[in-house]
Amino acid sequence: MVSLQTTLGDHSFTNVFMNASGVHCMTAAELDEVAASPAGTLVTKTGTLEPRTGNPEPRFAVLELGTINSMGLPNKGIDYYLDYAAAFQARHPGQTMFLSVAGMKPADFPLLAEKIQASGFTGLTEFNLSCPNVPGKPQIAYDFETTQEILTAIFKGFKKAAGVKLPPYFDLAQFDQMAALLNQYPLTFINSINSLGNGLWIDPATDTAAIRPKGGFGGIGGQYAKPIALANVRAFRQRLRADIGIIGTGGVTSGRDAYDLILCGANLVSLGSILATEGISAFTRLTAELEAEMAKQGYATPAAFRGQLKTL
């Protein structure tokens, strides 16, 4: 009998699937729909210290093999999501959820950490480091010095289970450097990857960029991202401490896609573009497809093949 039960740190989940922060998680109603689905857990929209409306529309478009977006971190603010988490914990004792947060500047991160530490939240916090940094600098997690400063500031007082959301990396030296940095901190997990940054798509009917913000530049998700996601999960699994788990994100449109992320080392698999385009029913379909793939390969649990990718 196939089971999709999995673990991340001290937390257990009945299913490996969850939503990606940014998709079907802005409001309490959307989060409740994920909670009522077969998904093993859920994560909030990335919350900032204050609510944000985000970038002007259109800021999301469906492409041939995925999506492009430049959302601009629209969210209802950290207090809204902490309130939701408190209500969720009261209704679902024993179930774990994720709270995603990000600072608009490095100094915001320890403030967010202090607010969560002082709350009754008992789940896992995802500090989103794949978001804008100060003007003239790259995304936070591409700036290793700033990343170290932020993590040091966070963990001066933060004692709850936490992880970081990372952008995609493309060079083996980057994996070496970032893993060595992350291994210094009491992380429970990483989430890899966020969308492929600054792609561009053109509408052939109008010769116009598909989205409005940044002149059409946006993050690419969906099938375009799968090979990069697999490489990032695999590279980090080979380099991180064994106790740091991985949420694999990127390119999942089938049960086999999820299987491949687990094969590369993922503990959980989050859905982004496919959840945005197919809707909440994607959890039911992908759960059945992953169970069928595992049965075909002779595996009863994800732990039986996690990280067992063969090489030539």
C-alpha atoms as a PDB file:
ATOM      1  CA  MET A   1       0.000   0.000   0.000  1.00  0.00           C
ATOM      2  CA  VAL A   2       1.404   3.385  -1.037  1.00  0.00           C
ATOM      3  CA  SER A   3       1.589   6.225   1.499  1.00  0.00           C
ATOM      4  CA  LEU A   4       2.600   9.828   0.741  1.00  0.00           C
ATOM      5  CA  GLN A   5       3.401  10.552   4.388  1.00  0.00           C
ATOM      6  CA  THR A   6       6.566  12.585   4.830  1.00  0.00           C
ATOM      7  CA  THR A   7       8.501  14.530   7.447  1.00  0.00           C
ATOM      8  CA  LEU A   8      10.352  17.811   7.719  1.00  0.00           C
ATOM      9  CA  GLY A   9      12.328  18.190  10.907  1.00  0.00           C
ATOM     10  CA  ASP A  10      10.075  17.151  13.790  1.00  0.00           C
ATOM     11  CA  HIS A  11       6.897  17.678  11.745  1.00  0.00           C
ATOM     12  CA  SER A  12       4.920  14.973   9.926  1.00  0.00           C
ATOM     13  CA  PHE A  13       2.595  15.412   6.953  1.00  0.00           C
ATOM     14  CA  THR A  14       0.081  13.005   5.419  1.00  0.00           C
ATOM     15  CA  ASN A  15       0.895  14.095   1.855  1.00  0.00           C
ATOM     16  CA  VAL A  16       4.016  15.515   0.195  1.00  0.00           C
ATOM     17  CA  PHE A  17       2.060  18.218  -1.690  1.00  0.00           C
ATOM     18  CA  MET A  18       1.494  21.809  -0.640  1.00  0.00           C
ATOM     19  CA  ASN A  19       0.852  25.120  -2.359  1.00  0.00           C
ATOM     20  CA  ALA A  20       3.710  27.467  -3.209  1.00  0.00           C
ATOM     21  CA  SER A  21       3.582  30.788  -1.418  1.00  0.00           C
ATOM     22  CA  GLY A  22       2.042  33.254  -3.836  1.00  0.00           C
ATOM     23  CA  VAL A  23      -0.554  30.864  -5.236  1.00  0.00           C
ATOM     24  CA  HIS A  24      -4.020  30.284  -3.754  1.00  0.00           C
ATOM     25  CA  CYS A  25      -3.028  31.738  -0.398  1.00  0.00           C
ATOM     26  CA  MET A  26      -3.752  35.467  -0.332  1.00  0.00           C
ATOM     27  CA  THR A  27      -6.940  35.232   1.735  1.00  0.00           C
ATOM     28  CA  ALA A  28      -8.250  33.065   4.545  1.00  0.00           C
ATOM     29  CA  ALA A  29     -10.827  31.622   2.131  1.00  0.00           C
ATOM     30  CA  GLU A  30      -8.128  30.506  -0.323  1.00  0.00           C
ATOM     31  CA  LEU A  31      -6.019  29.027   2.461  1.00  0.00           C
ATOM     32  CA  ASP A  32      -9.051  27.155   3.786  1.00  0.00           C
ATOM     33  CA  GLU A  33      -9.553  25.603   0.331  1.00  0.00           C
ATOM     34  CA  VAL A  34      -5.974  24.291   0.347  1.00  0.00           C
ATOM     35  CA  ALA A  35      -6.480  22.981   3.875  1.00  0.00           C
ATOM     36  CA  ALA A  36      -9.614  21.108   2.752  1.00  0.00           C
ATOM     37  CA  SER A  37      -7.824  19.536  -0.249  1.00  0.00           C
ATOM     38  CA  PRO A  38      -5.634  16.393  -0.206  1.00  0.00           C
ATOM     39  CA  ALA A  39      -2.557  18.629   0.270  1.00  0.00           C
ATOM     40  CA  GLY A  40      -0.443  17.647   3.239  1.00  0.00           C
ATOM     41  CA  THR A  41       0.070  21.218   4.387  1.00  0.00           C
ATOM     42  CA  LEU A  42      -0.234  24.838   3.279  1.00  0.00           C
ATOM     43  CA  VAL A  43       1.734  28.069   3.277  1.00  0.00           C
ATOM     44  CA  THR A  44       0.501  31.644   3.471  1.00  0.00           C
ATOM     45  CA  LYS A  45       1.178  34.385   0.985  1.00  0.00           C
ATOM     46  CA  THR A  46       4.535  35.951   1.737  1.00  0.00           C
ATOM     47  CA  GLY A  47       3.639  38.544   4.359  1.00  0.00           C
ATOM     48  CA  THR A  48       5.446  41.831   4.854  1.00  0.00           C
ATOM     49  CA  LEU A  49       5.351  44.158   7.857  1.00  0.00           C
ATOM     50  CA  GLU A  50       2.610  46.205   6.184  1.00  0.00           C
ATOM     51  CA  PRO A  51      -0.008  45.157   3.581  1.00  0.00           C
ATOM     52  CA  ARG A  52       0.943  45.688  -0.065  1.00  0.00           C
ATOM     53  CA  THR A  53      -1.127  46.041  -3.227  1.00  0.00           C
ATOM     54  CA  GLY A  54       1.734  44.882  -5.451  1.00  0.00           C
ATOM     55  CA  ASN A  55       2.530  45.792  -9.047  1.00  0.00           C
ATOM     56  CA  PRO A  56       0.022  47.111 -11.611  1.00  0.00           C
ATOM     57  CA  GLU A  57      -2.009  44.695 -13.738  1.00  0.00           C
ATOM     58  CA  PRO A  58      -1.566  42.743 -15.886  1.00  0.00           C
ATOM     59  CA  ARG A  59       1.157  41.118 -13.785  1.00  0.00           C
ATOM     60  CA  PHE A  60       0.509  37.413 -14.481  1.00  0.00           C
ATOM     61  CA  ALA A  61       0.143  35.556 -17.782  1.00  0.00           C
ATOM     62  CA  VAL A  62      -0.173  31.928 -18.851  1.00  0.00           C
ATOM     63  CA  LEU A  63       2.424  30.840 -21.433  1.00  0.00           C
ATOM     64  CA  GLU A  64       2.776  27.767 -23.631  1.00  0.00           C
ATOM     65  CA  LEU A  65       4.625  25.731 -20.994  1.00  0.00           C
ATOM     66  CA  GLY A  66       4.121  27.702 -17.818  1.00  0.00           C
ATOM     67  CA  THR A  67       3.592  31.197 -16.500  1.00  0.00           C
ATOM     68  CA  ILE A  68       5.235  34.595 -16.149  1.00  0.00           C
ATOM     69  CA  ASN A  69       4.596  36.984 -13.290  1.00  0.00           C
ATOM     70  CA  SER A  70       5.782  40.160 -11.641  1.00  0.00           C
ATOM     71  CA  MET A  71       3.410  40.369  -8.713  1.00  0.00           C
ATOM     72  CA  GLY A  72       5.327  42.771  -6.498  1.00  0.00           C
ATOM     73  CA  LEU A  73       4.587  40.888  -3.248  1.00  0.00           C
ATOM     74  CA  PRO A  74       0.910  41.794  -2.850  1.00  0.00           C
ATOM     75  CA  ASN A  75      -0.248  40.578   0.572  1.00  0.00           C
ATOM     76  CA  LYS A  76      -2.441  41.423   3.537  1.00  0.00           C
ATOM     77  CA  GLY A  77       0.426  41.899   5.972  1.00  0.00           C
ATOM     78  CA  ILE A  78       2.037  39.704   8.591  1.00  0.00           C
ATOM     79  CA  ASP A  79      -0.627  40.378  11.228  1.00  0.00           C
ATOM     80  CA  TYR A  80      -3.383  39.033   8.952  1.00  0.00           C
ATOM     81  CA  TYR A  81      -1.496  35.779   8.364  1.00  0.00           C
ATOM     82  CA  LEU A  82      -0.564  35.370  12.024  1.00  0.00           C
ATOM     83  CA  ASP A  83      -4.260  35.733  12.863  1.00  0.00           C
ATOM     84  CA  TYR A  84      -5.101  33.099  10.253  1.00  0.00           C
ATOM     85  CA  ALA A  85      -2.435  30.775  11.642  1.00  0.00           C
ATOM     86  CA  ALA A  86      -3.849  31.102  15.155  1.00  0.00           C
ATOM     87  CA  ALA A  87      -7.329  30.235  13.894  1.00  0.00           C
ATOM     88  CA  PHE A  88      -5.975  27.326  11.816  1.00  0.00           C
ATOM     89  CA  GLN A  89      -4.107  25.882  14.805  1.00  0.00           C
ATOM     90  CA  ALA A  90      -7.242  26.086  16.928  1.00  0.00           C
ATOM     91  CA  ARG A  91      -9.308  24.267  14.268  1.00  0.00           C
ATOM     92  CA  HIS A  92      -6.636  21.738  13.291  1.00  0.00           C
ATOM     93  CA  PRO A  93      -4.676  20.743  16.403  1.00  0.00           C
ATOM     94  CA  GLY A  94      -1.699  18.614  15.532  1.00  0.00           C
ATOM     95  CA  GLN A  95      -1.495  19.817  11.923  1.00  0.00           C
ATOM     96  CA  THR A  96       1.429  21.936  10.787  1.00  0.00           C
ATOM     97  CA  MET A  97       1.265  24.905   8.427  1.00  0.00           C
ATOM     98  CA  PHE A  98       3.857  27.301   7.052  1.00  0.00           C
ATOM     99  CA  LEU A  99       4.036  31.070   7.438  1.00  0.00           C
ATOM    100  CA  SER A 100       5.960  32.846   4.664  1.00  0.00           C
ATOM    101  CA  VAL A 101       7.430  36.308   5.306  1.00  0.00           C
ATOM    102  CA  ALA A 102       9.764  38.747   3.596  1.00  0.00           C
ATOM    103  CA  GLY A 103      11.315  42.098   4.333  1.00  0.00           C
ATOM    104  CA  MET A 104      11.296  44.945   1.863  1.00  0.00           C
ATOM    105  CA  LYS A 105      14.735  45.775   3.266  1.00  0.00           C
ATOM    106  CA  PRO A 106      17.200  43.690   5.317  1.00  0.00           C
ATOM    107  CA  ALA A 107      16.290  45.417   8.591  1.00  0.00           C
ATOM    108  CA  ASP A 108      12.694  44.162   8.255  1.00  0.00           C
ATOM    109  CA  PHE A 109      13.645  40.498   8.676  1.00  0.00           C
ATOM    110  CA  PRO A 110      14.578  40.547  12.387  1.00  0.00           C
ATOM    111  CA  LEU A 111      11.444  42.603  13.067  1.00  0.00           C
ATOM    112  CA  LEU A 112       9.313  39.936  11.384  1.00  0.00           C
ATOM    113  CA  ALA A 113      11.172  37.241  13.317  1.00  0.00           C
ATOM    114  CA  GLU A 114      10.540  39.028  16.618  1.00  0.00           C
ATOM    115  CA  LYS A 115       6.824  39.318  15.864  1.00  0.00           C
ATOM    116  CA  ILE A 116       6.528  35.608  15.014  1.00  0.00           C
ATOM    117  CA  GLN A 117       8.638  34.552  17.997  1.00  0.00           C
ATOM    118  CA  ALA A 118       6.358  36.510  20.330  1.00  0.00           C
ATOM    119  CA  SER A 119       3.224  34.934  18.805  1.00  0.00           C
ATOM    120  CA  GLY A 120       1.588  31.584  19.471  1.00  0.00           C
ATOM    121  CA  PHE A 121       2.562  30.248  16.045  1.00  0.00           C
ATOM    122  CA  THR A 122       3.790  26.653  16.300  1.00  0.00           C
ATOM    123  CA  GLY A 123       4.378  25.859  12.611  1.00  0.00           C
ATOM    124  CA  LEU A 124       7.315  26.489  10.298  1.00  0.00           C
ATOM    125  CA  THR A 125       8.364  29.947   9.172  1.00  0.00           C
ATOM    126  CA  GLU A 126       9.669  30.484   5.643  1.00  0.00           C
ATOM    127  CA  PHE A 127      11.893  33.542   5.333  1.00  0.00           C
ATOM    128  CA  ASN A 128      11.693  34.497   1.661  1.00  0.00           C
ATOM    129  CA  LEU A 129      15.180  35.534   0.542  1.00  0.00           C
ATOM    130  CA  SER A 130      14.215  35.419  -3.134  1.00  0.00           C
ATOM    131  CA  CYS A 131      12.830  38.930  -3.256  1.00  0.00           C
ATOM    132  CA  PRO A 132      14.122  42.440  -4.022  1.00  0.00           C
ATOM    133  CA  ASN A 133      17.028  43.838  -2.068  1.00  0.00           C
ATOM    134  CA  VAL A 134      18.284  47.417  -1.849  1.00  0.00           C
ATOM    135  CA  PRO A 135      18.406  49.388  -5.137  1.00  0.00           C
ATOM    136  CA  GLY A 136      21.342  48.463  -7.293  1.00  0.00           C
ATOM    137  CA  LYS A 137      21.836  45.060  -5.664  1.00  0.00           C
ATOM    138  CA  PRO A 138      20.548  41.614  -6.683  1.00  0.00           C
ATOM    139  CA  GLN A 139      17.896  39.487  -4.985  1.00  0.00           C
ATOM    140  CA  ILE A 140      18.877  38.961  -1.362  1.00  0.00           C
ATOM    141  CA  ALA A 141      19.977  35.343  -1.750  1.00  0.00           C
ATOM    142  CA  TYR A 142      22.277  36.278  -4.640  1.00  0.00           C
ATOM    143  CA  ASP A 143      24.048  38.646  -2.245  1.00  0.00           C
ATOM    144  CA  PHE A 144      25.794  36.225   0.107  1.00  0.00           C
ATOM    145  CA  GLU A 145      27.092  38.914   2.461  1.00  0.00           C
ATOM    146  CA  THR A 146      23.622  40.395   2.979  1.00  0.00           C
ATOM    147  CA  THR A 147      22.130  36.903   3.343  1.00  0.00           C
ATOM    148  CA  GLN A 148      24.558  36.143   6.159  1.00  0.00           C
ATOM    149  CA  GLU A 149      23.797  39.441   7.878  1.00  0.00           C
ATOM    150  CA  ILE A 150      20.046  38.777   7.695  1.00  0.00           C
ATOM    151  CA  LEU A 151      20.264  35.194   8.975  1.00  0.00           C
ATOM    152  CA  THR A 152      22.561  36.229  11.813  1.00  0.00           C
ATOM    153  CA  ALA A 153      20.100  38.948  12.826  1.00  0.00           C
ATOM    154  CA  ILE A 154      17.110  36.579  12.598  1.00  0.00           C
ATOM    155  CA  PHE A 155      18.624  33.807  14.687  1.00  0.00           C
ATOM    156  CA  LYS A 156      19.852  36.045  17.472  1.00  0.00           C
ATOM    157  CA  GLY A 157      16.426  35.619  19.010  1.00  0.00           C
ATOM    158  CA  PHE A 158      14.393  33.311  16.797  1.00  0.00           C
ATOM    159  CA  LYS A 159      13.981  29.847  18.306  1.00  0.00           C
ATOM    160  CA  LYS A 160      11.110  28.385  16.268  1.00  0.00           C
ATOM    161  CA  ALA A 161      11.372  26.053  13.269  1.00  0.00           C
ATOM    162  CA  ALA A 162      12.388  28.006  10.180  1.00  0.00           C
ATOM    163  CA  GLY A 163      13.678  27.789   6.661  1.00  0.00           C
ATOM    164  CA  VAL A 164      14.540  29.987   3.698  1.00  0.00           C
ATOM    165  CA  LYS A 165      13.086  30.328   0.221  1.00  0.00           C
ATOM    166  CA  LEU A 166      15.803  30.567  -2.414  1.00  0.00           C
ATOM    167  CA  PRO A 167      16.078  31.693  -6.016  1.00  0.00           C
ATOM    168  CA  PRO A 168      17.553  29.342  -8.609  1.00  0.00           C
ATOM    169  CA  TYR A 169      21.327  29.060  -8.815  1.00  0.00           C
ATOM    170  CA  PHE A 170      23.181  28.141 -11.974  1.00  0.00           C
ATOM    171  CA  ASP A 171      26.825  27.616 -11.009  1.00  0.00           C
ATOM    172  CA  LEU A 172      28.295  24.866  -8.839  1.00  0.00           C
ATOM    173  CA  ALA A 173      30.364  27.424  -6.940  1.00  0.00           C
ATOM    174  CA  GLN A 174      27.139  29.179  -5.952  1.00  0.00           C
ATOM    175  CA  PHE A 175      25.774  25.936  -4.510  1.00  0.00           C
ATOM    176  CA  ASP A 176      29.017  25.411  -2.585  1.00  0.00           C
ATOM    177  CA  GLN A 177      29.011  28.929  -1.145  1.00  0.00           C
ATOM    178  CA  MET A 178      25.326  29.114  -0.261  1.00  0.00           C
ATOM    179  CA  ALA A 179      25.224  25.644   1.292  1.00  0.00           C
ATOM    180  CA  ALA A 180      28.294  26.417   3.406  1.00  0.00           C
ATOM    181  CA  LEU A 181      26.574  29.602   4.577  1.00  0.00           C
ATOM    182  CA  LEU A 182      23.226  27.936   5.337  1.00  0.00           C
ATOM    183  CA  ASN A 183      24.888  25.088   7.232  1.00  0.00           C
ATOM    184  CA  GLN A 184      25.969  27.606   9.874  1.00  0.00           C
ATOM    185  CA  TYR A 185      22.380  28.265  10.992  1.00  0.00           C
ATOM    186  CA  PRO A 186      19.677  26.191  12.768  1.00  0.00           C
ATOM    187  CA  LEU A 187      17.516  25.810   9.671  1.00  0.00           C
ATOM    188  CA  THR A 188      14.857  23.122   9.402  1.00  0.00           C
ATOM    189  CA  PHE A 189      14.459  23.422   5.620  1.00  0.00           C
ATOM    190  CA  ILE A 190      15.094  25.306   2.415  1.00  0.00           C
ATOM    191  CA  ASN A 191      12.545  25.885  -0.350  1.00  0.00           C
ATOM    192  CA  SER A 192      14.091  25.598  -3.803  1.00  0.00           C
ATOM    193  CA  ILE A 193      13.385  27.121  -6.262  1.00  0.00           C
ATOM    194  CA  ASN A 194      11.511  30.356  -6.672  1.00  0.00           C
ATOM    195  CA  SER A 195      10.663  31.315 -10.251  1.00  0.00           C
ATOM    196  CA  LEU A 196      13.332  31.843 -12.912  1.00  0.00           C
ATOM    197  CA  GLY A 197      13.958  35.561 -12.645  1.00  0.00           C
ATOM    198  CA  ASN A 198      13.531  38.151 -15.368  1.00  0.00           C
ATOM    199  CA  GLY A 199      12.190  36.138 -18.246  1.00  0.00           C
ATOM    200  CA  LEU A 200      10.276  37.828 -21.052  1.00  0.00           C
ATOM    201  CA  TRP A 201       7.327  36.698 -23.184  1.00  0.00           C
ATOM    202  CA  ILE A 202       5.910  38.387 -26.270  1.00  0.00           C
ATOM    203  CA  ASP A 203       2.316  38.209 -27.471  1.00  0.00           C
ATOM    204  CA  PRO A 204       2.713  37.424 -31.220  1.00  0.00           C
ATOM    205  CA  ALA A 205      -0.671  38.953 -32.006  1.00  0.00           C
ATOM    206  CA  THR A 206       0.371  42.394 -30.774  1.00  0.00           C
ATOM    207  CA  ASP A 207       4.210  42.351 -30.512  1.00  0.00           C
ATOM    208  CA  THR A 208       3.682  43.357 -26.887  1.00  0.00           C
ATOM    209  CA  ALA A 209       5.204  42.035 -23.677  1.00  0.00           C
ATOM    210  CA  ALA A 210       2.819  39.714 -21.828  1.00  0.00           C
ATOM    211  CA  ILE A 211       2.841  41.632 -18.524  1.00  0.00           C
ATOM    212  CA  ARG A 212       3.040  45.311 -17.554  1.00  0.00           C
ATOM    213  CA  PRO A 213       5.582  45.657 -14.676  1.00  0.00           C
ATOM    214  CA  LYS A 214       9.273  46.199 -15.425  1.00  0.00           C
ATOM    215  CA  GLY A 215       8.606  46.497 -19.154  1.00  0.00           C
ATOM    216  CA  GLY A 216       7.504  42.868 -19.321  1.00  0.00           C
ATOM    217  CA  PHE A 217      10.252  41.178 -17.310  1.00  0.00           C
ATOM    218  CA  GLY A 218       8.987  38.582 -14.812  1.00  0.00           C
ATOM    219  CA  GLY A 219       9.544  35.274 -13.074  1.00  0.00           C
ATOM    220  CA  ILE A 220       9.071  32.157 -15.187  1.00  0.00           C
ATOM    221  CA  GLY A 221       7.384  29.075 -13.740  1.00  0.00           C
ATOM    222  CA  GLY A 222       5.904  25.832 -14.962  1.00  0.00           C
ATOM    223  CA  GLN A 223       7.536  23.243 -17.206  1.00  0.00           C
ATOM    224  CA  TYR A 224      10.250  25.719 -18.197  1.00  0.00           C
ATOM    225  CA  ALA A 225      11.568  25.555 -14.633  1.00  0.00           C
ATOM    226  CA  LYS A 226      11.683  21.793 -14.044  1.00  0.00           C
ATOM    227  CA  PRO A 227      15.312  21.015 -15.072  1.00  0.00           C
ATOM    228  CA  ILE A 228      16.568  23.964 -13.029  1.00  0.00           C
ATOM    229  CA  ALA A 229      14.477  22.947 -10.017  1.00  0.00           C
ATOM    230  CA  LEU A 230      15.754  19.367 -10.187  1.00  0.00           C
ATOM    231  CA  ALA A 231      19.363  20.563 -10.362  1.00  0.00           C
ATOM    232  CA  ASN A 232      18.941  22.915  -7.410  1.00  0.00           C
ATOM    233  CA  VAL A 233      17.257  20.318  -5.199  1.00  0.00           C
ATOM    234  CA  ARG A 234      19.904  17.743  -6.090  1.00  0.00           C
ATOM    235  CA  ALA A 235      22.839  20.115  -5.593  1.00  0.00           C
ATOM    236  CA  PHE A 236      21.617  21.326  -2.208  1.00  0.00           C
ATOM    237  CA  ARG A 237      20.773  17.808  -1.007  1.00  0.00           C
ATOM    238  CA  GLN A 238      24.386  16.859  -1.687  1.00  0.00           C
ATOM    239  CA  ARG A 239      25.733  19.862   0.242  1.00  0.00           C
ATOM    240  CA  LEU A 240      23.402  20.680   3.129  1.00  0.00           C
ATOM    241  CA  ARG A 241      23.472  19.117   6.593  1.00  0.00           C
ATOM    242  CA  ALA A 242      21.361  15.966   6.660  1.00  0.00           C
ATOM    243  CA  ASP A 243      18.924  17.525   9.143  1.00  0.00           C
ATOM    244  CA  ILE A 244      18.007  20.365   6.761  1.00  0.00           C
ATOM    245  CA  GLY A 245      15.047  19.223   4.655  1.00  0.00           C
ATOM    246  CA  ILE A 246      14.053  20.506   1.221  1.00  0.00           C
ATOM    247  CA  ILE A 247      10.774  21.694  -0.246  1.00  0.00           C
ATOM    248  CA  GLY A 248      11.085  21.117  -3.984  1.00  0.00           C
ATOM    249  CA  THR A 249       9.333  23.714  -6.134  1.00  0.00           C
ATOM    250  CA  GLY A 250       9.257  24.186  -9.879  1.00  0.00           C
ATOM    251  CA  GLY A 251       7.839  22.541 -12.965  1.00  0.00           C
ATOM    252  CA  VAL A 252       5.426  20.036 -11.436  1.00  0.00           C
ATOM    253  CA  THR A 253       2.604  19.220 -13.853  1.00  0.00           C
ATOM    254  CA  SER A 254       2.426  15.438 -13.314  1.00  0.00           C
ATOM    255  CA  GLY A 255       2.962  12.837 -10.629  1.00  0.00           C
ATOM    256  CA  ARG A 256       6.216  11.870 -12.313  1.00  0.00           C
ATOM    257  CA  ASP A 257       7.460  15.449 -11.966  1.00  0.00           C
ATOM    258  CA  ALA A 258       6.850  15.275  -8.215  1.00  0.00           C
ATOM    259  CA  TYR A 259       8.519  11.853  -8.106  1.00  0.00           C
ATOM    260  CA  ASP A 260      11.604  13.325  -9.796  1.00  0.00           C
ATOM    261  CA  LEU A 261      11.907  16.122  -7.226  1.00  0.00           C
ATOM    262  CA  ILE A 262      11.713  13.585  -4.403  1.00  0.00           C
ATOM    263  CA  LEU A 263      14.251  11.392  -6.206  1.00  0.00           C
ATOM    264  CA  CYS A 264      16.588  14.401  -6.167  1.00  0.00           C
ATOM    265  CA  GLY A 265      16.060  14.882  -2.428  1.00  0.00           C
ATOM    266  CA  ALA A 266      12.831  16.796  -1.748  1.00  0.00           C
ATOM    267  CA  ASN A 267      10.811  16.104   1.421  1.00  0.00           C
ATOM    268  CA  LEU A 268       7.797  18.119   0.267  1.00  0.00           C
ATOM    269  CA  VAL A 269       6.697  19.285  -3.183  1.00  0.00           C
ATOM    270  CA  SER A 270       4.956  22.617  -3.672  1.00  0.00           C
ATOM    271  CA  LEU A 271       2.701  23.587  -6.558  1.00  0.00           C
ATOM    272  CA  GLY A 272       2.855  26.997  -8.192  1.00  0.00           C
ATOM    273  CA  SER A 273       1.982  27.445 -11.855  1.00  0.00           C
ATOM    274  CA  ILE A 274      -0.115  24.272 -12.099  1.00  0.00           C
ATOM    275  CA  LEU A 275      -2.161  25.325  -9.072  1.00  0.00           C
ATOM    276  CA  ALA A 276      -2.670  28.763 -10.590  1.00  0.00           C
ATOM    277  CA  THR A 277      -3.838  27.367 -13.924  1.00  0.00           C
ATOM    278  CA  GLU A 278      -5.619  24.118 -12.959  1.00  0.00           C
ATOM    279  CA  GLY A 279      -6.965  25.123  -9.584  1.00  0.00           C
ATOM    280  CA  ILE A 280      -7.366  23.246  -6.317  1.00  0.00           C
ATOM    281  CA  SER A 281      -8.241  19.987  -8.125  1.00  0.00           C
ATOM    282  CA  ALA A 282      -4.553  19.696  -9.060  1.00  0.00           C
ATOM    283  CA  PHE A 283      -3.884  18.274  -5.596  1.00  0.00           C
ATOM    284  CA  THR A 284      -6.285  15.369  -6.183  1.00  0.00           C
ATOM    285  CA  ARG A 285      -4.937  14.569  -9.648  1.00  0.00           C
ATOM    286  CA  LEU A 286      -1.266  14.789  -8.709  1.00  0.00           C
ATOM    287  CA  THR A 287      -1.748  12.764  -5.534  1.00  0.00           C
ATOM    288  CA  ALA A 288      -3.251   9.912  -7.570  1.00  0.00           C
ATOM    289  CA  GLU A 289      -0.546  10.173 -10.239  1.00  0.00           C
ATOM    290  CA  LEU A 290       2.299  10.152  -7.707  1.00  0.00           C
ATOM    291  CA  GLU A 291       0.813   7.165  -5.895  1.00  0.00           C
ATOM    292  CA  ALA A 292       0.548   5.334  -9.222  1.00  0.00           C
ATOM    293  CA  GLU A 293       4.151   6.178 -10.148  1.00  0.00           C
ATOM    294  CA  MET A 294       5.435   4.977  -6.780  1.00  0.00           C
ATOM    295  CA  ALA A 295       3.490   1.729  -7.090  1.00  0.00           C
ATOM    296  CA  LYS A 296       4.889   1.232 -10.580  1.00  0.00           C
ATOM    297  CA  GLN A 297       8.436   1.709  -9.285  1.00  0.00           C
ATOM    298  CA  GLY A 298       7.830  -0.517  -6.259  1.00  0.00           C
ATOM    299  CA  TYR A 299       8.036   2.110  -3.515  1.00  0.00           C
ATOM    300  CA  ALA A 300       5.650   2.315  -0.569  1.00  0.00           C
ATOM    301  CA  THR A 301       6.802   5.666   0.858  1.00  0.00           C
ATOM    302  CA  PRO A 302       8.660   8.767  -0.396  1.00  0.00           C
ATOM    303  CA  ALA A 303      11.450   8.048   2.094  1.00  0.00           C
ATOM    304  CA  ALA A 304      12.220   4.827   0.227  1.00  0.00           C
ATOM    305  CA  PHE A 305      13.481   6.662  -2.849  1.00  0.00           C
ATOM    306  CA  ARG A 306      14.205  10.185  -1.606  1.00  0.00           C
ATOM    307  CA  GLY A 307      17.604  11.319  -2.826  1.00  0.00           C
ATOM    308  CA  GLN A 308      18.240   8.022  -4.627  1.00  0.00           C
ATOM    309  CA  LEU A 309      18.892   9.480  -8.087  1.00  0.00           C
ATOM    310  CA  LYS A 310      21.168   7.205 -10.097  1.00  0.00           C
ATOM    311  CA  THR A 311      24.067   8.599 -12.106  1.00  0.00           C
ATOM    312  CA  LEU A 312      26.010   7.144 -15.009  1.00  0.00           C
END
